[in-house]
């Protein structure tokens, strides 16, 4: 999971969770990683070390190893762009959007990212821009990614989140509706749908989405955050139906 997206305009009083990271970029490098990571100087060995660090949860080390692998490779090698893109994805996970932006720009400037992989890199570049409060660049990169990944529910999830930061209520509703059509039972999507409903003033729908998110991930971070969001939404107090007996004199 990536660090918290600080979406200030979107229901700031309710808890947020992180969306999933892009799927295609790191996975695309796995097939090129050497089984033996002992020789830490070759690109394949460095990718092997990066994947090992990522698996252990050390996103900073993983990003650095992907950078080293890219630097040790030729720009004409199609794998190099994927290494830079994977490094950028992991810098986002490590809470370093500035470093992510640099690496993702390098990836996008090289040949090697095709179709969905390029779309995922553009989406990550949009995420990095949003984390730096550069909303114009975030929206531009997101629009550029649309032709290749518009069937990815996370594309619409992020679009909804960005729209809330942009103050675009209609855009946020339309985007989250797209996400729900593509992944109607995904707890992460349902949780964000609750934020969109809360942002647009529909408390009943917000509660319903958060209840579904909680039911879909009862013991996980999304479920716990959804429960907290429901608590913070407030509960209508139950009125007593019987009068309190008067004290005897």
C-alpha atoms as a PDB file:
ATOM      1  CA  UNK A   1       0.000   0.000   0.000  1.00  0.00           C
ATOM      2  CA  UNK A   2       1.116   3.545  -0.593  1.00  0.00           C
ATOM      3  CA  UNK A   3       1.260   6.326   2.012  1.00  0.00           C
ATOM      4  CA  UNK A   4      -1.846   8.323   2.878  1.00  0.00           C
ATOM      5  CA  UNK A   5      -3.086  10.671   0.187  1.00  0.00           C
ATOM      6  CA  UNK A   6      -3.787  13.936   1.938  1.00  0.00           C
ATOM      7  CA  UNK A   7      -6.999  14.945   0.227  1.00  0.00           C
ATOM      8  CA  UNK A   8      -7.753  18.094   2.179  1.00  0.00           C
ATOM      9  CA  UNK A   9     -10.942  18.979   0.365  1.00  0.00           C
ATOM     10  CA  UNK A  10     -12.471  15.563   0.782  1.00  0.00           C
ATOM     11  CA  UNK A  11     -14.211  15.116   4.107  1.00  0.00           C
ATOM     12  CA  UNK A  12     -11.227  16.219   6.214  1.00  0.00           C
ATOM     13  CA  UNK A  13     -12.903  15.066   9.437  1.00  0.00           C
ATOM     14  CA  UNK A  14     -13.052  11.426   8.365  1.00  0.00           C
ATOM     15  CA  UNK A  15     -10.176   8.922   8.153  1.00  0.00           C
ATOM     16  CA  UNK A  16      -8.628   7.951   4.841  1.00  0.00           C
ATOM     17  CA  UNK A  17      -6.786   4.884   3.643  1.00  0.00           C
ATOM     18  CA  UNK A  18      -4.241   4.421   0.899  1.00  0.00           C
ATOM     19  CA  UNK A  19      -5.165   3.176  -2.558  1.00  0.00           C
ATOM     20  CA  UNK A  20      -3.308   0.196  -3.992  1.00  0.00           C
ATOM     21  CA  UNK A  21      -0.091   0.846  -5.908  1.00  0.00           C
ATOM     22  CA  UNK A  22       0.106   0.421  -9.664  1.00  0.00           C
ATOM     23  CA  UNK A  23       0.249  -3.251 -10.545  1.00  0.00           C
ATOM     24  CA  UNK A  24       2.038  -3.618 -13.859  1.00  0.00           C
ATOM     25  CA  UNK A  25       5.377  -1.923 -13.253  1.00  0.00           C
ATOM     26  CA  UNK A  26       7.078  -3.847 -10.458  1.00  0.00           C
ATOM     27  CA  UNK A  27       5.604  -7.143 -11.643  1.00  0.00           C
ATOM     28  CA  UNK A  28       7.012  -6.538 -15.115  1.00  0.00           C
ATOM     29  CA  UNK A  29      10.512  -6.503 -13.661  1.00  0.00           C
ATOM     30  CA  UNK A  30      10.143  -9.758 -11.752  1.00  0.00           C
ATOM     31  CA  UNK A  31      10.704 -11.937 -14.807  1.00  0.00           C
ATOM     32  CA  UNK A  32      14.056 -10.238 -15.393  1.00  0.00           C
ATOM     33  CA  UNK A  33      15.362 -10.661 -11.847  1.00  0.00           C
ATOM     34  CA  UNK A  34      18.135 -13.190 -11.274  1.00  0.00           C
ATOM     35  CA  UNK A  35      17.332 -15.970  -8.836  1.00  0.00           C
ATOM     36  CA  UNK A  36      20.735 -15.321  -7.230  1.00  0.00           C
ATOM     37  CA  UNK A  37      21.057 -11.790  -5.860  1.00  0.00           C
ATOM     38  CA  UNK A  38      24.658 -12.366  -4.734  1.00  0.00           C
ATOM     39  CA  UNK A  39      26.291 -10.286  -7.467  1.00  0.00           C
ATOM     40  CA  UNK A  40      24.900  -6.863  -6.654  1.00  0.00           C
ATOM     41  CA  UNK A  41      26.454  -5.091  -9.631  1.00  0.00           C
ATOM     42  CA  UNK A  42      24.513  -6.345 -12.653  1.00  0.00           C
ATOM     43  CA  UNK A  43      21.096  -4.901 -13.526  1.00  0.00           C
ATOM     44  CA  UNK A  44      19.367  -8.259 -13.028  1.00  0.00           C
ATOM     45  CA  UNK A  45      20.982  -8.734  -9.611  1.00  0.00           C
ATOM     46  CA  UNK A  46      20.002  -5.210  -8.588  1.00  0.00           C
ATOM     47  CA  UNK A  47      16.420  -5.838  -9.695  1.00  0.00           C
ATOM     48  CA  UNK A  48      16.514  -9.041  -7.657  1.00  0.00           C
ATOM     49  CA  UNK A  49      17.621  -7.048  -4.609  1.00  0.00           C
ATOM     50  CA  UNK A  50      14.958  -4.415  -5.273  1.00  0.00           C
ATOM     51  CA  UNK A  51      12.202  -7.021  -5.395  1.00  0.00           C
ATOM     52  CA  UNK A  52      13.507  -8.599  -2.203  1.00  0.00           C
ATOM     53  CA  UNK A  53      13.522  -5.228  -0.424  1.00  0.00           C
ATOM     54  CA  UNK A  54      10.038  -4.441  -1.696  1.00  0.00           C
ATOM     55  CA  UNK A  55       8.752  -7.803  -0.466  1.00  0.00           C
ATOM     56  CA  UNK A  56      10.184  -7.114   2.987  1.00  0.00           C
ATOM     57  CA  UNK A  57       8.472  -3.715   3.104  1.00  0.00           C
ATOM     58  CA  UNK A  58      11.567  -1.539   2.641  1.00  0.00           C
ATOM     59  CA  UNK A  59      10.231   0.688  -0.125  1.00  0.00           C
ATOM     60  CA  UNK A  60      13.105   3.184   0.113  1.00  0.00           C
ATOM     61  CA  UNK A  61      15.760   0.522  -0.420  1.00  0.00           C
ATOM     62  CA  UNK A  62      13.692  -1.048  -3.192  1.00  0.00           C
ATOM     63  CA  UNK A  63      13.406   2.289  -4.999  1.00  0.00           C
ATOM     64  CA  UNK A  64      17.144   2.913  -4.669  1.00  0.00           C
ATOM     65  CA  UNK A  65      17.971  -0.553  -6.021  1.00  0.00           C
ATOM     66  CA  UNK A  66      15.678  -0.061  -9.015  1.00  0.00           C
ATOM     67  CA  UNK A  67      17.406   3.267  -9.672  1.00  0.00           C
ATOM     68  CA  UNK A  68      20.825   1.574  -9.545  1.00  0.00           C
ATOM     69  CA  UNK A  69      19.582  -1.130 -11.925  1.00  0.00           C
ATOM     70  CA  UNK A  70      18.314   1.527 -14.358  1.00  0.00           C
ATOM     71  CA  UNK A  71      21.565   3.487 -14.156  1.00  0.00           C
ATOM     72  CA  UNK A  72      23.527   0.304 -14.901  1.00  0.00           C
ATOM     73  CA  UNK A  73      21.401  -0.403 -17.983  1.00  0.00           C
ATOM     74  CA  UNK A  74      21.277   1.044 -21.477  1.00  0.00           C
ATOM     75  CA  UNK A  75      18.583   3.591 -22.267  1.00  0.00           C
ATOM     76  CA  UNK A  76      17.949   1.575 -25.431  1.00  0.00           C
ATOM     77  CA  UNK A  77      16.985  -1.482 -23.363  1.00  0.00           C
ATOM     78  CA  UNK A  78      13.201  -1.650 -23.025  1.00  0.00           C
ATOM     79  CA  UNK A  79      13.558  -2.896 -19.439  1.00  0.00           C
ATOM     80  CA  UNK A  80      15.247   0.341 -18.330  1.00  0.00           C
ATOM     81  CA  UNK A  81      12.068   2.394 -18.539  1.00  0.00           C
ATOM     82  CA  UNK A  82      10.268  -0.193 -16.392  1.00  0.00           C
ATOM     83  CA  UNK A  83      13.057   0.027 -13.801  1.00  0.00           C
ATOM     84  CA  UNK A  84      12.698   3.814 -13.559  1.00  0.00           C
ATOM     85  CA  UNK A  85       8.907   3.463 -13.393  1.00  0.00           C
ATOM     86  CA  UNK A  86       9.115   0.856 -10.636  1.00  0.00           C
ATOM     87  CA  UNK A  87      11.492   3.125  -8.703  1.00  0.00           C
ATOM     88  CA  UNK A  88       8.993   5.972  -9.021  1.00  0.00           C
ATOM     89  CA  UNK A  89       6.134   3.788  -7.831  1.00  0.00           C
ATOM     90  CA  UNK A  90       8.125   2.765  -4.770  1.00  0.00           C
ATOM     91  CA  UNK A  91       9.195   6.341  -3.977  1.00  0.00           C
ATOM     92  CA  UNK A  92       5.471   7.150  -3.741  1.00  0.00           C
ATOM     93  CA  UNK A  93       5.093   4.228  -1.347  1.00  0.00           C
ATOM     94  CA  UNK A  94       8.018   5.611   0.647  1.00  0.00           C
ATOM     95  CA  UNK A  95       6.411   9.057   0.913  1.00  0.00           C
ATOM     96  CA  UNK A  96       8.875  10.770  -1.438  1.00  0.00           C
ATOM     97  CA  UNK A  97       6.746  12.187  -4.292  1.00  0.00           C
ATOM     98  CA  UNK A  98       9.492  14.548  -5.495  1.00  0.00           C
ATOM     99  CA  UNK A  99      11.876  11.650  -6.103  1.00  0.00           C
ATOM    100  CA  UNK A 100       9.018   9.690  -7.639  1.00  0.00           C
ATOM    101  CA  UNK A 101       8.318  12.483 -10.122  1.00  0.00           C
ATOM    102  CA  UNK A 102      11.962  12.588 -11.264  1.00  0.00           C
ATOM    103  CA  UNK A 103      12.159   8.833 -11.852  1.00  0.00           C
ATOM    104  CA  UNK A 104       8.765   8.628 -13.532  1.00  0.00           C
ATOM    105  CA  UNK A 105       9.679  11.455 -15.910  1.00  0.00           C
ATOM    106  CA  UNK A 106      12.799   9.483 -16.854  1.00  0.00           C
ATOM    107  CA  UNK A 107      10.694   6.378 -17.450  1.00  0.00           C
ATOM    108  CA  UNK A 108       8.179   8.221 -19.625  1.00  0.00           C
ATOM    109  CA  UNK A 109      10.935   9.811 -21.708  1.00  0.00           C
ATOM    110  CA  UNK A 110      12.383   6.409 -22.680  1.00  0.00           C
ATOM    111  CA  UNK A 111      11.089   3.697 -24.997  1.00  0.00           C
ATOM    112  CA  UNK A 112       9.927   0.542 -23.288  1.00  0.00           C
ATOM    113  CA  UNK A 113       6.618   1.348 -21.594  1.00  0.00           C
ATOM    114  CA  UNK A 114       3.793   0.032 -23.701  1.00  0.00           C
ATOM    115  CA  UNK A 115       0.008   0.256 -23.362  1.00  0.00           C
ATOM    116  CA  UNK A 116      -1.039  -0.441 -19.758  1.00  0.00           C
ATOM    117  CA  UNK A 117       2.512  -0.065 -18.432  1.00  0.00           C
ATOM    118  CA  UNK A 118       2.721   3.475 -19.779  1.00  0.00           C
ATOM    119  CA  UNK A 119      -0.730   4.222 -18.437  1.00  0.00           C
ATOM    120  CA  UNK A 120       0.276   2.981 -14.978  1.00  0.00           C
ATOM    121  CA  UNK A 121       3.399   5.176 -15.067  1.00  0.00           C
ATOM    122  CA  UNK A 122       1.308   8.198 -16.043  1.00  0.00           C
ATOM    123  CA  UNK A 123      -1.102   7.417 -13.221  1.00  0.00           C
ATOM    124  CA  UNK A 124       1.800   7.230 -10.773  1.00  0.00           C
ATOM    125  CA  UNK A 125       3.109  10.527 -12.148  1.00  0.00           C
ATOM    126  CA  UNK A 126      -0.317  12.033 -11.479  1.00  0.00           C
ATOM    127  CA  UNK A 127      -0.216  10.660  -7.935  1.00  0.00           C
ATOM    128  CA  UNK A 128       3.219  12.171  -7.372  1.00  0.00           C
ATOM    129  CA  UNK A 129       1.997  15.552  -8.639  1.00  0.00           C
ATOM    130  CA  UNK A 130      -1.099  15.425  -6.413  1.00  0.00           C
ATOM    131  CA  UNK A 131       1.059  14.661  -3.386  1.00  0.00           C
ATOM    132  CA  UNK A 132       3.072  17.801  -4.230  1.00  0.00           C
ATOM    133  CA  UNK A 133      -0.142  19.847  -4.499  1.00  0.00           C
ATOM    134  CA  UNK A 134       0.368  20.304  -8.258  1.00  0.00           C
ATOM    135  CA  UNK A 135      -3.227  19.524  -9.153  1.00  0.00           C
ATOM    136  CA  UNK A 136      -3.000  20.837 -12.732  1.00  0.00           C
ATOM    137  CA  UNK A 137      -0.185  18.427 -13.595  1.00  0.00           C
ATOM    138  CA  UNK A 138      -1.971  15.603 -11.785  1.00  0.00           C
ATOM    139  CA  UNK A 139      -5.105  16.073 -13.890  1.00  0.00           C
ATOM    140  CA  UNK A 140      -3.104  16.438 -17.127  1.00  0.00           C
ATOM    141  CA  UNK A 141      -1.208  13.186 -16.515  1.00  0.00           C
ATOM    142  CA  UNK A 142      -4.397  11.422 -15.510  1.00  0.00           C
ATOM    143  CA  UNK A 143      -6.091  12.512 -18.727  1.00  0.00           C
ATOM    144  CA  UNK A 144      -3.079  11.291 -20.704  1.00  0.00           C
ATOM    145  CA  UNK A 145      -3.344   7.891 -19.022  1.00  0.00           C
ATOM    146  CA  UNK A 146      -7.043   7.459 -19.831  1.00  0.00           C
ATOM    147  CA  UNK A 147      -6.774   5.760 -23.265  1.00  0.00           C
ATOM    148  CA  UNK A 148      -4.781   2.824 -21.885  1.00  0.00           C
ATOM    149  CA  UNK A 149      -6.145   2.277 -18.351  1.00  0.00           C
ATOM    150  CA  UNK A 150      -9.668   3.669 -18.261  1.00  0.00           C
ATOM    151  CA  UNK A 151     -10.912   0.151 -17.442  1.00  0.00           C
ATOM    152  CA  UNK A 152      -8.861   0.146 -14.241  1.00  0.00           C
ATOM    153  CA  UNK A 153     -11.145   1.026 -11.299  1.00  0.00           C
ATOM    154  CA  UNK A 154      -8.226   2.651  -9.489  1.00  0.00           C
ATOM    155  CA  UNK A 155      -7.922   5.140 -12.349  1.00  0.00           C
ATOM    156  CA  UNK A 156     -11.440   6.331 -11.518  1.00  0.00           C
ATOM    157  CA  UNK A 157     -10.810   6.048  -7.767  1.00  0.00           C
ATOM    158  CA  UNK A 158      -7.920   8.469  -8.075  1.00  0.00           C
ATOM    159  CA  UNK A 159      -9.864  10.689 -10.469  1.00  0.00           C
ATOM    160  CA  UNK A 160     -12.639  11.005  -7.868  1.00  0.00           C
ATOM    161  CA  UNK A 161     -10.150  11.825  -5.122  1.00  0.00           C
ATOM    162  CA  UNK A 162      -8.459  14.426  -7.301  1.00  0.00           C
ATOM    163  CA  UNK A 163     -11.812  15.939  -8.288  1.00  0.00           C
ATOM    164  CA  UNK A 164     -12.624  16.508  -4.621  1.00  0.00           C
ATOM    165  CA  UNK A 165      -9.356  18.381  -4.181  1.00  0.00           C
ATOM    166  CA  UNK A 166     -10.248  20.408  -7.280  1.00  0.00           C
ATOM    167  CA  UNK A 167     -13.629  21.291  -5.780  1.00  0.00           C
ATOM    168  CA  UNK A 168     -15.475  19.445  -8.564  1.00  0.00           C
ATOM    169  CA  UNK A 169     -18.412  17.676  -6.915  1.00  0.00           C
ATOM    170  CA  UNK A 170     -19.995  16.519 -10.176  1.00  0.00           C
ATOM    171  CA  UNK A 171     -16.676  15.180 -11.455  1.00  0.00           C
ATOM    172  CA  UNK A 172     -16.085  13.333  -8.177  1.00  0.00           C
ATOM    173  CA  UNK A 173     -19.514  11.675  -8.317  1.00  0.00           C
ATOM    174  CA  UNK A 174     -19.125  10.669 -11.961  1.00  0.00           C
ATOM    175  CA  UNK A 175     -15.645   9.247 -11.399  1.00  0.00           C
ATOM    176  CA  UNK A 176     -16.559   7.191  -8.337  1.00  0.00           C
ATOM    177  CA  UNK A 177     -19.630   5.870 -10.165  1.00  0.00           C
ATOM    178  CA  UNK A 178     -17.302   4.587 -12.908  1.00  0.00           C
ATOM    179  CA  UNK A 179     -15.101   2.945 -10.285  1.00  0.00           C
ATOM    180  CA  UNK A 180     -18.108   1.277  -8.643  1.00  0.00           C
ATOM    181  CA  UNK A 181     -19.313  -0.102 -11.973  1.00  0.00           C
ATOM    182  CA  UNK A 182     -15.921  -1.715 -12.538  1.00  0.00           C
ATOM    183  CA  UNK A 183     -15.403  -2.957  -8.959  1.00  0.00           C
ATOM    184  CA  UNK A 184     -18.721  -2.805  -7.082  1.00  0.00           C
ATOM    185  CA  UNK A 185     -17.575  -4.914  -4.126  1.00  0.00           C
ATOM    186  CA  UNK A 186     -14.009  -3.638  -3.690  1.00  0.00           C
ATOM    187  CA  UNK A 187     -13.720  -2.290  -0.107  1.00  0.00           C
ATOM    188  CA  UNK A 188     -11.208   0.383  -1.165  1.00  0.00           C
ATOM    189  CA  UNK A 189     -13.565   1.708  -3.848  1.00  0.00           C
ATOM    190  CA  UNK A 190     -16.536   1.550  -1.475  1.00  0.00           C
ATOM    191  CA  UNK A 191     -14.587   3.424   1.177  1.00  0.00           C
ATOM    192  CA  UNK A 192     -13.775   6.228  -1.254  1.00  0.00           C
ATOM    193  CA  UNK A 193     -17.373   6.251  -2.451  1.00  0.00           C
ATOM    194  CA  UNK A 194     -18.296   7.009   1.136  1.00  0.00           C
ATOM    195  CA  UNK A 195     -15.960  10.002   1.113  1.00  0.00           C
ATOM    196  CA  UNK A 196     -17.459  11.284  -2.125  1.00  0.00           C
ATOM    197  CA  UNK A 197     -20.973  10.948  -0.708  1.00  0.00           C
ATOM    198  CA  UNK A 198     -19.895  12.688   2.494  1.00  0.00           C
ATOM    199  CA  UNK A 199     -18.204  15.429   0.479  1.00  0.00           C
ATOM    200  CA  UNK A 200     -21.379  16.039  -1.510  1.00  0.00           C
ATOM    201  CA  UNK A 201     -23.520  16.142   1.634  1.00  0.00           C
ATOM    202  CA  UNK A 202     -25.241  12.750   1.371  1.00  0.00           C
ATOM    203  CA  UNK A 203     -24.693  11.279   4.846  1.00  0.00           C
ATOM    204  CA  UNK A 204     -27.013   8.324   4.288  1.00  0.00           C
ATOM    205  CA  UNK A 205     -25.135   7.143   1.204  1.00  0.00           C
ATOM    206  CA  UNK A 206     -21.806   7.767   2.916  1.00  0.00           C
ATOM    207  CA  UNK A 207     -22.846   5.559   5.830  1.00  0.00           C
ATOM    208  CA  UNK A 208     -24.118   2.839   3.476  1.00  0.00           C
ATOM    209  CA  UNK A 209     -20.873   2.752   1.479  1.00  0.00           C
ATOM    210  CA  UNK A 210     -18.743   2.705   4.624  1.00  0.00           C
ATOM    211  CA  UNK A 211     -20.841  -0.117   6.067  1.00  0.00           C
ATOM    212  CA  UNK A 212     -20.263  -2.118   2.877  1.00  0.00           C
ATOM    213  CA  UNK A 213     -16.531  -1.351   3.007  1.00  0.00           C
ATOM    214  CA  UNK A 214     -16.383  -2.490   6.625  1.00  0.00           C
ATOM    215  CA  UNK A 215     -18.232  -5.716   5.811  1.00  0.00           C
ATOM    216  CA  UNK A 216     -15.882  -6.391   2.904  1.00  0.00           C
ATOM    217  CA  UNK A 217     -12.721  -5.959   4.979  1.00  0.00           C
ATOM    218  CA  UNK A 218     -13.841  -6.661   8.571  1.00  0.00           C
ATOM    219  CA  UNK A 219     -10.384  -7.259  10.024  1.00  0.00           C
ATOM    220  CA  UNK A 220      -8.255  -5.111   7.695  1.00  0.00           C
ATOM    221  CA  UNK A 221      -7.187  -1.466   7.596  1.00  0.00           C
ATOM    222  CA  UNK A 222      -9.986  -0.428   5.238  1.00  0.00           C
ATOM    223  CA  UNK A 223     -12.628  -2.016   7.421  1.00  0.00           C
ATOM    224  CA  UNK A 224     -11.241  -0.346  10.540  1.00  0.00           C
ATOM    225  CA  UNK A 225     -11.050   3.032   8.803  1.00  0.00           C
ATOM    226  CA  UNK A 226     -14.613   2.612   7.560  1.00  0.00           C
ATOM    227  CA  UNK A 227     -15.822   1.905  11.086  1.00  0.00           C
ATOM    228  CA  UNK A 228     -14.022   5.023  12.303  1.00  0.00           C
ATOM    229  CA  UNK A 229     -15.595   7.064   9.511  1.00  0.00           C
ATOM    230  CA  UNK A 230     -19.047   5.840  10.524  1.00  0.00           C
ATOM    231  CA  UNK A 231     -18.348   6.815  14.137  1.00  0.00           C
ATOM    232  CA  UNK A 232     -17.202  10.281  13.115  1.00  0.00           C
ATOM    233  CA  UNK A 233     -20.267  10.722  10.926  1.00  0.00           C
ATOM    234  CA  UNK A 234     -22.286  10.668  14.128  1.00  0.00           C
ATOM    235  CA  UNK A 235     -25.133   8.619  15.488  1.00  0.00           C
ATOM    236  CA  UNK A 236     -28.629   9.956  16.056  1.00  0.00           C
ATOM    237  CA  UNK A 237     -29.310   9.565  19.789  1.00  0.00           C
ATOM    238  CA  UNK A 238     -32.162   7.274  20.831  1.00  0.00           C
ATOM    239  CA  UNK A 239     -34.936   9.240  22.514  1.00  0.00           C
ATOM    240  CA  UNK A 240     -36.397   7.902  25.746  1.00  0.00           C
ATOM    241  CA  UNK A 241     -40.053   7.011  25.408  1.00  0.00           C
ATOM    242  CA  UNK A 242     -40.848   6.821  29.082  1.00  0.00           C
ATOM    243  CA  UNK A 243     -40.892   9.810  31.365  1.00  0.00           C
ATOM    244  CA  UNK A 244     -38.582   9.693  34.360  1.00  0.00           C
ATOM    245  CA  UNK A 245     -40.655   9.138  37.504  1.00  0.00           C
ATOM    246  CA  UNK A 246     -40.893  12.143  39.755  1.00  0.00           C
ATOM    247  CA  UNK A 247     -39.037  12.005  43.047  1.00  0.00           C
ATOM    248  CA  UNK A 248     -41.260  11.313  45.978  1.00  0.00           C
ATOM    249  CA  UNK A 249     -41.601  14.216  48.369  1.00  0.00           C
END
